[in-house]
């Protein structure tokens, strides 16, 4: 990638991020649009978690990883500290893989 493309993308990214604070008071969104934006952010986050959990390379990641993520999700839902959530998810996945469940 050449330097010009990098600079154009950098300026575009900076301008896009700067537009939010500059236009905050000038642009009014309807309640429906705000609800749709909030919902779409949740859906995108869920899709990211799903693809990272269920796939490895070009195929299925196996059952150990989704089960570990599920255990971490339940721990987070029960308001466990972040470190506990991560350790529970990793330990569950590692234990299942050690037991032979890929």
N, C-alpha and C. Protein backbone atom coordinates (compact mmCIF):
# COMPACT_ATOMS: atom_id res chain seq x y z
N UNK A 1 0.86 -1.17 0.00
CA UNK A 1 0.00 0.00 0.00
C UNK A 1 0.90 1.23 0.00
N UNK A 2 0.59 2.16 -0.85
CA UNK A 2 1.46 3.32 -0.95
C UNK A 2 1.11 4.38 0.10
N UNK A 3 1.98 5.32 0.25
CA UNK A 3 1.84 6.35 1.28
C UNK A 3 0.63 7.24 1.05
N UNK A 4 0.31 7.52 -0.20
CA UNK A 4 -0.84 8.38 -0.50
C UNK A 4 -2.13 7.75 0.00
N UNK A 5 -2.30 6.46 -0.24
CA UNK A 5 -3.52 5.77 0.21
C UNK A 5 -3.61 5.79 1.73
N UNK A 6 -2.51 5.58 2.39
CA UNK A 6 -2.49 5.59 3.86
C UNK A 6 -2.87 6.97 4.38
N UNK A 7 -2.34 8.00 3.79
CA UNK A 7 -2.64 9.36 4.23
C UNK A 7 -4.10 9.72 3.97
N UNK A 8 -4.63 9.33 2.81
CA UNK A 8 -6.03 9.62 2.50
C UNK A 8 -6.95 8.91 3.50
N UNK A 9 -6.65 7.66 3.79
CA UNK A 9 -7.46 6.92 4.76
C UNK A 9 -7.34 7.52 6.16
N UNK A 10 -6.15 7.97 6.53
CA UNK A 10 -5.96 8.58 7.84
C UNK A 10 -6.75 9.87 7.96
N UNK A 11 -6.71 10.71 6.95
CA UNK A 11 -7.45 11.98 6.98
C UNK A 11 -8.95 11.70 6.99
N UNK A 12 -9.40 10.74 6.19
CA UNK A 12 -10.82 10.39 6.17
C UNK A 12 -11.30 9.87 7.51
N UNK A 13 -10.51 9.04 8.13
CA UNK A 13 -10.87 8.51 9.44
C UNK A 13 -10.94 9.62 10.48
N UNK A 14 -9.96 10.51 10.47
CA UNK A 14 -9.95 11.62 11.42
C UNK A 14 -11.16 12.52 11.20
N UNK A 15 -11.48 12.81 9.93
CA UNK A 15 -12.63 13.68 9.62
C UNK A 15 -13.93 13.03 10.07
N UNK A 16 -14.05 11.74 9.86
CA UNK A 16 -15.26 11.02 10.25
C UNK A 16 -15.43 11.05 11.77
N UNK A 17 -14.34 10.87 12.50
CA UNK A 17 -14.41 10.91 13.97
C UNK A 17 -14.66 12.33 14.48
N UNK A 18 -14.15 13.31 13.81
CA UNK A 18 -14.34 14.70 14.21
C UNK A 18 -15.76 15.17 13.94
N UNK A 19 -16.43 14.58 12.96
CA UNK A 19 -17.78 15.00 12.59
C UNK A 19 -18.76 14.77 13.74
N UNK A 20 -18.59 13.72 14.52
CA UNK A 20 -19.50 13.44 15.62
C UNK A 20 -19.59 14.57 16.63
N UNK A 21 -18.49 14.96 17.24
CA UNK A 21 -18.57 16.06 18.21
C UNK A 21 -18.98 17.39 17.58
N UNK A 22 -18.59 17.64 16.34
CA UNK A 22 -18.93 18.92 15.71
C UNK A 22 -20.40 19.01 15.34
N UNK A 23 -21.01 17.89 14.97
CA UNK A 23 -22.41 17.90 14.53
C UNK A 23 -23.39 17.47 15.61
N UNK A 24 -22.93 17.20 16.80
CA UNK A 24 -23.80 16.68 17.86
C UNK A 24 -25.00 17.59 18.12
N UNK A 25 -24.78 18.89 18.19
CA UNK A 25 -25.87 19.81 18.50
C UNK A 25 -26.68 20.23 17.27
N UNK A 26 -26.18 19.98 16.08
CA UNK A 26 -26.84 20.42 14.86
C UNK A 26 -27.79 19.37 14.27
N UNK A 27 -27.51 18.12 14.51
CA UNK A 27 -28.29 17.05 13.89
C UNK A 27 -29.17 16.41 14.97
N UNK A 28 -30.45 16.33 14.68
CA UNK A 28 -31.40 15.69 15.60
C UNK A 28 -31.93 14.42 14.94
N UNK A 29 -31.86 13.33 15.66
CA UNK A 29 -32.36 12.05 15.16
C UNK A 29 -33.67 11.73 15.85
N UNK A 30 -34.55 11.09 15.11
CA UNK A 30 -35.83 10.70 15.70
C UNK A 30 -35.59 9.53 16.67
N UNK A 31 -36.55 9.31 17.52
CA UNK A 31 -36.45 8.20 18.47
C UNK A 31 -36.32 6.87 17.78
N UNK A 32 -37.01 6.71 16.66
CA UNK A 32 -36.95 5.45 15.89
C UNK A 32 -35.54 5.21 15.36
N UNK A 33 -34.91 6.24 14.82
CA UNK A 33 -33.56 6.10 14.29
C UNK A 33 -32.58 5.79 15.41
N UNK A 34 -32.71 6.45 16.55
CA UNK A 34 -31.84 6.16 17.68
C UNK A 34 -32.00 4.72 18.15
N UNK A 35 -33.24 4.24 18.19
CA UNK A 35 -33.49 2.85 18.57
C UNK A 35 -32.88 1.89 17.57
N UNK A 36 -33.01 2.19 16.28
CA UNK A 36 -32.43 1.33 15.25
C UNK A 36 -30.90 1.31 15.33
N UNK A 37 -30.29 2.44 15.62
CA UNK A 37 -28.84 2.49 15.74
C UNK A 37 -28.36 1.70 16.94
N UNK A 38 -29.07 1.81 18.05
CA UNK A 38 -28.72 1.04 19.24
C UNK A 38 -28.89 -0.45 18.99
N UNK A 39 -29.97 -0.82 18.35
CA UNK A 39 -30.22 -2.23 18.05
C UNK A 39 -29.18 -2.76 17.08
N UNK A 40 -28.83 -1.98 16.08
CA UNK A 40 -27.85 -2.45 15.10
C UNK A 40 -26.48 -2.63 15.74
N UNK A 41 -26.12 -1.79 16.69
CA UNK A 41 -24.84 -1.96 17.38
C UNK A 41 -24.82 -3.27 18.16
N UNK A 42 -25.94 -3.59 18.80
CA UNK A 42 -26.04 -4.85 19.54
C UNK A 42 -25.95 -6.04 18.60
N UNK A 43 -26.63 -5.97 17.48
CA UNK A 43 -26.61 -7.06 16.51
C UNK A 43 -25.21 -7.26 15.93
N UNK A 44 -24.52 -6.17 15.62
CA UNK A 44 -23.16 -6.29 15.10
C UNK A 44 -22.22 -6.90 16.13
N UNK A 45 -22.36 -6.52 17.38
CA UNK A 45 -21.53 -7.11 18.43
C UNK A 45 -21.82 -8.60 18.57
N UNK A 46 -23.10 -8.98 18.54
CA UNK A 46 -23.47 -10.38 18.62
C UNK A 46 -22.90 -11.17 17.43
N UNK A 47 -22.97 -10.59 16.23
CA UNK A 47 -22.43 -11.27 15.05
C UNK A 47 -20.92 -11.45 15.15
N UNK A 48 -20.23 -10.47 15.69
CA UNK A 48 -18.78 -10.58 15.88
C UNK A 48 -18.46 -11.70 16.86
N UNK A 49 -19.18 -11.74 17.97
CA UNK A 49 -18.95 -12.80 18.96
C UNK A 49 -19.26 -14.17 18.36
N UNK A 50 -20.35 -14.26 17.60
CA UNK A 50 -20.73 -15.54 17.00
C UNK A 50 -19.68 -16.04 16.02
N UNK A 51 -19.19 -15.17 15.14
CA UNK A 51 -18.20 -15.63 14.17
C UNK A 51 -16.87 -15.96 14.83
N UNK A 52 -16.49 -15.19 15.84
CA UNK A 52 -15.24 -15.49 16.54
C UNK A 52 -15.34 -16.76 17.36
N UNK A 53 -16.54 -17.08 17.83
CA UNK A 53 -16.75 -18.25 18.66
C UNK A 53 -16.91 -19.52 17.85
N UNK A 54 -17.62 -19.44 16.77
CA UNK A 54 -18.00 -20.65 16.04
C UNK A 54 -17.07 -21.03 14.91
N UNK A 55 -16.18 -20.15 14.49
CA UNK A 55 -15.31 -20.47 13.37
C UNK A 55 -13.85 -20.41 13.76
N UNK A 56 -13.08 -21.25 13.07
CA UNK A 56 -11.62 -21.24 13.23
C UNK A 56 -11.07 -21.48 11.84
N UNK A 57 -10.43 -20.48 11.28
CA UNK A 57 -9.99 -20.59 9.90
C UNK A 57 -11.20 -20.60 8.99
N UNK A 58 -11.35 -21.65 8.21
CA UNK A 58 -12.46 -21.76 7.28
C UNK A 58 -13.55 -22.71 7.76
N UNK A 59 -13.38 -23.29 8.95
CA UNK A 59 -14.34 -24.29 9.40
C UNK A 59 -14.87 -24.03 10.80
N UNK A 60 -15.58 -25.04 11.30
CA UNK A 60 -16.19 -24.97 12.63
C UNK A 60 -15.11 -25.08 13.69
N UNK A 61 -15.23 -24.33 14.76
CA UNK A 61 -14.21 -24.30 15.81
C UNK A 61 -14.31 -25.48 16.76
N UNK A 62 -15.36 -26.26 16.70
CA UNK A 62 -15.57 -27.34 17.65
C UNK A 62 -16.48 -26.88 18.77
N UNK A 63 -16.82 -27.79 19.65
CA UNK A 63 -17.76 -27.46 20.72
C UNK A 63 -17.12 -26.83 21.96
N UNK A 64 -15.84 -27.06 22.18
CA UNK A 64 -15.20 -26.56 23.39
C UNK A 64 -15.22 -25.03 23.46
N UNK A 65 -14.91 -24.37 22.37
CA UNK A 65 -14.87 -22.91 22.37
C UNK A 65 -16.25 -22.28 22.60
N UNK A 66 -17.30 -22.70 21.87
CA UNK A 66 -18.61 -22.10 22.15
C UNK A 66 -19.10 -22.36 23.57
N UNK A 67 -18.81 -23.53 24.11
CA UNK A 67 -19.23 -23.82 25.49
C UNK A 67 -18.47 -22.92 26.46
N UNK A 68 -17.18 -22.71 26.22
CA UNK A 68 -16.40 -21.80 27.06
C UNK A 68 -16.92 -20.38 27.01
N UNK A 69 -17.28 -19.93 25.81
CA UNK A 69 -17.84 -18.59 25.67
C UNK A 69 -19.19 -18.49 26.37
N UNK A 70 -19.98 -19.55 26.27
CA UNK A 70 -21.27 -19.58 26.96
C UNK A 70 -21.09 -19.47 28.48
N UNK A 71 -20.12 -20.20 29.02
CA UNK A 71 -19.84 -20.12 30.46
C UNK A 71 -19.41 -18.71 30.83
N UNK A 72 -18.54 -18.10 30.02
CA UNK A 72 -18.13 -16.72 30.27
C UNK A 72 -19.29 -15.75 30.17
N UNK A 73 -20.19 -15.98 29.20
CA UNK A 73 -21.36 -15.13 29.06
C UNK A 73 -22.29 -15.21 30.26
N UNK A 74 -22.48 -16.42 30.77
CA UNK A 74 -23.32 -16.60 31.96
C UNK A 74 -22.67 -15.91 33.16
N UNK A 75 -21.36 -16.05 33.29
CA UNK A 75 -20.66 -15.38 34.39
C UNK A 75 -20.78 -13.86 34.29
N UNK A 76 -20.67 -13.34 33.06
CA UNK A 76 -20.82 -11.89 32.88
C UNK A 76 -22.25 -11.45 33.17
N UNK A 77 -23.21 -12.26 32.75
CA UNK A 77 -24.61 -11.95 33.02
C UNK A 77 -24.90 -11.93 34.52
N UNK A 78 -24.21 -12.81 35.26
CA UNK A 78 -24.37 -12.85 36.71
C UNK A 78 -23.52 -11.78 37.41
N UNK A 79 -22.91 -10.90 36.61
CA UNK A 79 -22.12 -9.76 37.09
C UNK A 79 -20.84 -10.15 37.82
N UNK A 80 -20.20 -11.21 37.33
CA UNK A 80 -18.90 -11.59 37.87
C UNK A 80 -17.86 -10.58 37.39
N UNK A 81 -16.78 -10.39 38.13
CA UNK A 81 -15.71 -9.49 37.68
C UNK A 81 -15.13 -9.96 36.34
N UNK A 82 -14.63 -9.03 35.56
CA UNK A 82 -14.14 -9.34 34.22
C UNK A 82 -13.06 -10.42 34.24
N UNK A 83 -12.14 -10.35 35.16
CA UNK A 83 -11.08 -11.34 35.24
C UNK A 83 -11.67 -12.73 35.49
N UNK A 84 -12.67 -12.82 36.34
CA UNK A 84 -13.31 -14.10 36.62
C UNK A 84 -14.00 -14.63 35.35
N UNK A 85 -14.65 -13.74 34.61
CA UNK A 85 -15.31 -14.15 33.36
C UNK A 85 -14.30 -14.75 32.39
N UNK A 86 -13.19 -14.07 32.20
CA UNK A 86 -12.17 -14.53 31.25
C UNK A 86 -11.56 -15.85 31.72
N UNK A 87 -11.24 -15.94 33.00
CA UNK A 87 -10.62 -17.17 33.52
C UNK A 87 -11.59 -18.34 33.43
N UNK A 88 -12.86 -18.12 33.76
CA UNK A 88 -13.84 -19.20 33.64
C UNK A 88 -14.00 -19.68 32.20
N UNK A 89 -14.09 -18.75 31.27
CA UNK A 89 -14.24 -19.12 29.87
C UNK A 89 -13.01 -19.88 29.37
N UNK A 90 -11.83 -19.39 29.68
CA UNK A 90 -10.60 -20.05 29.24
C UNK A 90 -10.43 -21.41 29.90
N UNK A 91 -10.70 -21.48 31.20
CA UNK A 91 -10.55 -22.76 31.91
C UNK A 91 -11.55 -23.79 31.41
N UNK A 92 -12.76 -23.37 31.13
CA UNK A 92 -13.76 -24.30 30.61
C UNK A 92 -13.34 -24.84 29.25
N UNK A 93 -12.92 -23.95 28.37
CA UNK A 93 -12.47 -24.37 27.04
C UNK A 93 -11.27 -25.29 27.14
N UNK A 94 -10.30 -24.94 27.99
CA UNK A 94 -9.10 -25.78 28.14
C UNK A 94 -9.46 -27.14 28.72
N UNK A 95 -10.34 -27.17 29.71
CA UNK A 95 -10.71 -28.46 30.31
C UNK A 95 -11.44 -29.35 29.31
N UNK A 96 -12.32 -28.76 28.53
CA UNK A 96 -13.02 -29.55 27.52
C UNK A 96 -12.09 -30.07 26.44
N UNK A 97 -11.15 -29.26 26.04
CA UNK A 97 -10.16 -29.72 25.04
C UNK A 97 -9.25 -30.79 25.64
N UNK A 98 -8.90 -30.64 26.88
CA UNK A 98 -8.07 -31.66 27.54
C UNK A 98 -8.83 -32.98 27.66
N UNK A 99 -10.13 -32.89 27.84
CA UNK A 99 -10.96 -34.09 27.95
C UNK A 99 -11.23 -34.73 26.58
N UNK A 100 -10.79 -34.07 25.52
CA UNK A 100 -10.93 -34.66 24.19
C UNK A 100 -12.03 -34.08 23.34
N UNK A 101 -12.74 -33.12 23.86
CA UNK A 101 -13.80 -32.49 23.08
C UNK A 101 -13.16 -31.31 22.34
N UNK A 102 -13.14 -31.42 21.03
CA UNK A 102 -12.48 -30.36 20.24
C UNK A 102 -13.40 -29.20 20.17
